[in-house]
Protein backbone atom coordinates (compact mmCIF):
# COMPACT_ATOMS: atom_id res chain seq x y z
CA MET A 1 -29.31 56.28 83.50
CA SER A 2 -30.44 59.63 84.82
CA ASN A 3 -29.15 62.60 82.88
CA GLU A 4 -29.20 64.58 86.12
CA LEU A 5 -26.21 62.68 87.48
CA PRO A 6 -22.64 63.65 86.54
CA PHE A 7 -21.60 61.39 83.68
CA SER A 8 -18.35 60.40 81.95
CA GLN A 9 -18.52 58.54 78.64
CA ALA A 10 -14.95 57.29 79.15
CA CYS A 11 -15.96 55.69 82.47
CA GLU A 12 -18.96 54.09 80.83
CA ASN A 13 -16.76 52.68 78.07
CA ASN A 14 -13.97 51.30 80.26
CA LYS A 15 -15.78 50.15 83.43
CA GLN A 16 -16.39 46.56 82.28
CA PRO A 17 -12.90 45.90 80.82
CA ILE A 18 -11.41 47.26 84.06
CA LEU A 19 -13.74 45.13 86.18
CA ASP A 20 -12.74 42.02 84.23
CA CYS A 21 -9.14 42.64 85.38
CA ILE A 22 -9.60 43.86 88.95
CA ALA A 23 -11.97 40.97 89.72
CA GLN A 24 -8.89 38.75 89.31
CA VAL A 25 -6.86 40.98 91.66
CA PHE A 26 -9.23 42.03 94.46
CA THR A 27 -10.18 38.52 95.51
CA GLN A 28 -9.85 38.87 99.29
CA PRO A 29 -12.61 40.45 101.41
CA GLY A 30 -11.76 43.88 102.80
CA ARG A 31 -11.70 47.57 101.99
CA VAL A 32 -10.51 48.97 98.65
CA LEU A 33 -9.84 52.68 98.33
CA GLU A 34 -10.58 54.35 95.02
CA ILE A 35 -8.50 57.50 94.43
CA GLY A 36 -10.18 59.96 92.07
CA SER A 37 -13.74 58.59 91.98
CA GLY A 38 -15.04 61.42 89.80
CA THR A 39 -18.65 60.79 88.80
CA GLY A 40 -18.85 57.57 90.82
CA GLN A 41 -19.62 55.38 87.81
CA HIS A 42 -16.67 53.07 88.47
CA ALA A 43 -17.47 52.90 92.19
CA VAL A 44 -21.08 51.82 91.64
CA HIS A 45 -20.24 49.29 88.93
CA PHE A 46 -17.36 47.71 90.84
CA ALA A 47 -19.11 47.61 94.23
CA ALA A 48 -22.19 45.99 92.66
CA SER A 49 -20.02 43.34 91.00
CA LEU A 50 -17.63 42.69 93.93
CA PRO A 51 -19.89 42.19 96.97
CA HIS A 52 -17.01 40.86 99.10
CA ILE A 53 -15.28 44.25 98.81
CA GLU A 54 -16.08 47.34 100.86
CA TRP A 55 -15.55 49.98 98.18
CA GLN A 56 -14.36 53.35 99.50
CA PRO A 57 -14.58 56.17 96.94
CA SER A 58 -12.50 59.31 97.38
CA ASP A 59 -11.49 62.39 95.46
CA HIS A 60 -9.64 65.65 95.89
CA PRO A 61 -11.47 67.82 98.45
CA ALA A 62 -12.63 70.16 95.65
CA ASN A 63 -14.33 67.25 93.83
CA ALA A 64 -15.23 64.78 96.57
CA SER A 65 -18.97 65.50 96.50
CA LEU A 66 -19.32 64.87 92.74
CA ALA A 67 -19.84 61.11 93.17
CA ARG A 68 -22.22 61.36 96.14
CA PRO A 69 -25.58 61.57 94.25
CA ARG A 70 -24.83 58.47 92.19
CA ILE A 71 -23.52 56.56 95.21
CA GLN A 72 -26.58 57.45 97.29
CA GLN A 73 -28.89 56.45 94.46
CA ALA A 74 -27.20 53.06 94.13
CA GLN A 75 -27.94 52.12 97.77
CA LEU A 76 -25.30 49.40 97.89
CA ALA A 77 -24.42 48.10 101.34
CA ASN A 78 -20.73 47.70 100.44
CA LEU A 79 -20.34 51.15 98.85
CA CYS A 80 -19.19 53.87 101.25
CA ASP A 81 -19.82 57.60 101.17
CA PRO A 82 -16.97 59.35 99.28
CA LEU A 83 -14.07 60.74 101.29
CA ALA A 84 -12.18 63.97 100.68
CA LEU A 85 -8.57 62.90 100.08
CA ASP A 86 -5.61 65.05 99.16
CA VAL A 87 -2.88 62.56 98.26
CA VAL A 88 -0.12 64.91 99.44
CA SER A 89 -1.45 64.75 103.00
CA GLN A 90 0.74 62.69 105.33
CA SER A 91 -2.38 61.34 107.05
CA TRP A 92 -4.99 59.71 104.86
CA PRO A 93 -8.52 59.15 106.27
CA VAL A 94 -8.23 55.38 105.63
CA GLU A 95 -6.04 52.52 106.75
CA SER A 96 -5.80 48.74 106.61
CA LEU A 97 -6.59 48.45 102.90
CA VAL A 98 -6.57 45.20 100.91
CA GLY A 99 -6.46 47.24 97.73
CA VAL A 100 -6.29 50.65 96.05
CA PHE A 101 -7.68 51.54 92.64
CA SER A 102 -7.15 54.70 90.62
CA ALA A 103 -8.10 55.49 87.02
CA ASN A 104 -6.85 58.33 84.85
CA THR A 105 -5.21 60.24 87.67
CA ALA A 106 -1.44 59.89 87.14
CA HIS A 107 -1.45 62.04 83.98
CA ILE A 108 -3.66 64.71 85.63
CA MET A 109 -1.63 65.01 88.82
CA GLY A 110 1.71 66.77 88.92
CA TRP A 111 4.67 64.44 89.41
CA PRO A 112 5.02 65.37 93.13
CA GLU A 113 1.39 64.29 93.58
CA VAL A 114 2.05 61.01 91.77
CA GLN A 115 4.96 60.42 94.15
CA ALA A 116 2.72 61.26 97.12
CA MET A 117 0.05 58.87 95.84
CA PHE A 118 2.47 55.96 95.66
CA GLU A 119 3.90 56.83 99.09
CA GLY A 120 0.41 57.02 100.62
CA VAL A 121 -0.64 53.75 99.01
CA SER A 122 2.46 52.05 100.41
CA ARG A 123 1.76 53.44 103.92
CA ASN A 124 -1.88 52.32 104.01
CA LEU A 125 -1.90 49.09 102.02
CA ASN A 126 -1.85 45.81 103.94
CA ALA A 127 1.04 43.43 103.28
CA GLY A 128 0.25 41.58 100.06
CA GLY A 129 -2.34 44.19 99.03
CA ALA A 130 -2.67 45.42 95.44
CA PHE A 131 -2.65 48.87 93.85
CA CYS A 132 -4.37 48.92 90.44
CA LEU A 133 -3.51 51.99 88.38
CA TYR A 134 -5.34 52.53 85.08
CA GLY A 135 -4.51 54.94 82.27
CA PRO A 136 -2.14 55.62 79.38
CA PHE A 137 1.59 55.14 80.01
CA ASN A 138 4.78 55.56 78.00
CA TYR A 139 7.38 52.81 77.64
CA GLY A 140 11.06 53.62 77.20
CA GLY A 141 10.05 57.26 76.96
CA GLU A 142 8.01 56.55 73.83
CA PHE A 143 4.29 56.97 73.18
CA THR A 144 2.43 53.74 72.43
CA SER A 145 0.12 55.39 69.88
CA ASP A 146 -0.41 58.60 67.92
CA SER A 147 -3.60 59.21 69.90
CA ASN A 148 -1.66 59.09 73.17
CA ARG A 149 0.90 61.52 71.73
CA ALA A 150 -1.92 63.92 70.82
CA PHE A 151 -3.55 63.45 74.22
CA ASP A 152 -0.28 64.25 76.00
CA ALA A 153 0.15 67.44 73.92
CA HIS A 154 -3.44 68.42 74.78
CA LEU A 155 -2.80 67.90 78.51
CA ARG A 156 0.44 69.90 78.51
CA SER A 157 -1.20 72.74 76.58
CA GLN A 158 -3.70 73.08 79.44
CA THR A 159 -1.28 72.82 82.37
CA ALA A 160 2.44 72.16 82.21
CA HIS A 161 2.47 69.72 85.13
CA MET A 162 0.12 67.25 83.40
CA GLY A 163 1.19 64.54 80.98
CA ILE A 164 1.43 60.81 80.34
CA ARG A 165 3.87 59.17 82.77
CA ASN A 166 6.82 57.02 81.77
CA MET A 167 6.92 53.45 83.06
CA ASP A 168 10.61 53.69 83.95
CA ASP A 169 9.85 56.58 86.32
CA LEU A 170 6.93 54.69 87.88
CA LEU A 171 9.04 51.57 88.37
CA ASN A 172 11.76 53.59 90.11
CA LEU A 173 9.18 55.33 92.28
CA ALA A 174 7.46 52.08 93.19
CA SER A 175 10.76 50.46 94.09
CA ARG A 176 11.51 53.28 96.55
CA VAL A 177 8.21 52.68 98.37
CA GLU A 178 8.46 48.88 98.21
CA LEU A 179 5.75 48.24 95.64
CA THR A 180 6.43 45.66 92.91
CA LEU A 181 4.83 45.53 89.46
CA GLU A 182 2.98 42.22 89.32
CA LYS A 183 0.91 42.59 86.15
CA ASP A 184 0.61 44.97 83.20
CA TYR A 185 -2.72 44.44 81.42
CA GLU A 186 -3.28 45.76 77.92
CA MET A 187 -6.61 47.62 77.85
CA PRO A 188 -8.81 49.16 75.14
CA ALA A 189 -8.07 52.61 73.67
CA ASN A 190 -4.29 52.38 74.25
CA ASN A 191 -4.61 52.22 78.03
CA ARG A 192 -3.05 49.85 80.57
CA LEU A 193 -3.95 48.49 83.98
CA LEU A 194 -0.87 48.25 86.18
CA VAL A 195 -1.06 46.00 89.24
CA TRP A 196 1.45 46.85 91.96
CA ARG A 197 1.80 44.56 94.99
CA SER A 198 3.01 45.51 98.47
């Protein structure tokens, strides 16, 4: 892999375990929006492995171009150019989605942005579509590992609005926007993959 391209070791480590799960979820042909594509490593790996899916990367307008070099290099027919997407916008530049995927975003966003993400997913996801959300989460307000506790402290020391989200809060939020938790996969490194269904 070219050292000139933006690179995330975490993405490299988790892309195959995530694919093993989402391949069981995104089974219908159609467009899947990725929120927070970052370096584009997930986008390229997933699009190459799921040819029936039109994979649509996106990221915050300040970061949306980061994935473009890797995506252009991949030259995959089902991998779209990344979109600039601010989740708090009432009008997203996509619609009619069979799925949405987002990794390691909920603990970086402020809670109002997490709420906006769920609301936007609900607005743009087809009936029966799936929202796969990957990352660390707390259960019953408790950390699932010492490493997650340390990670949360690190996040909050950088910016007060960041932090690992509590499942109870996500369940309440999802209920308000008519998304239902269908599956909660245990993943490596004390992460989870949550599958919400419209």
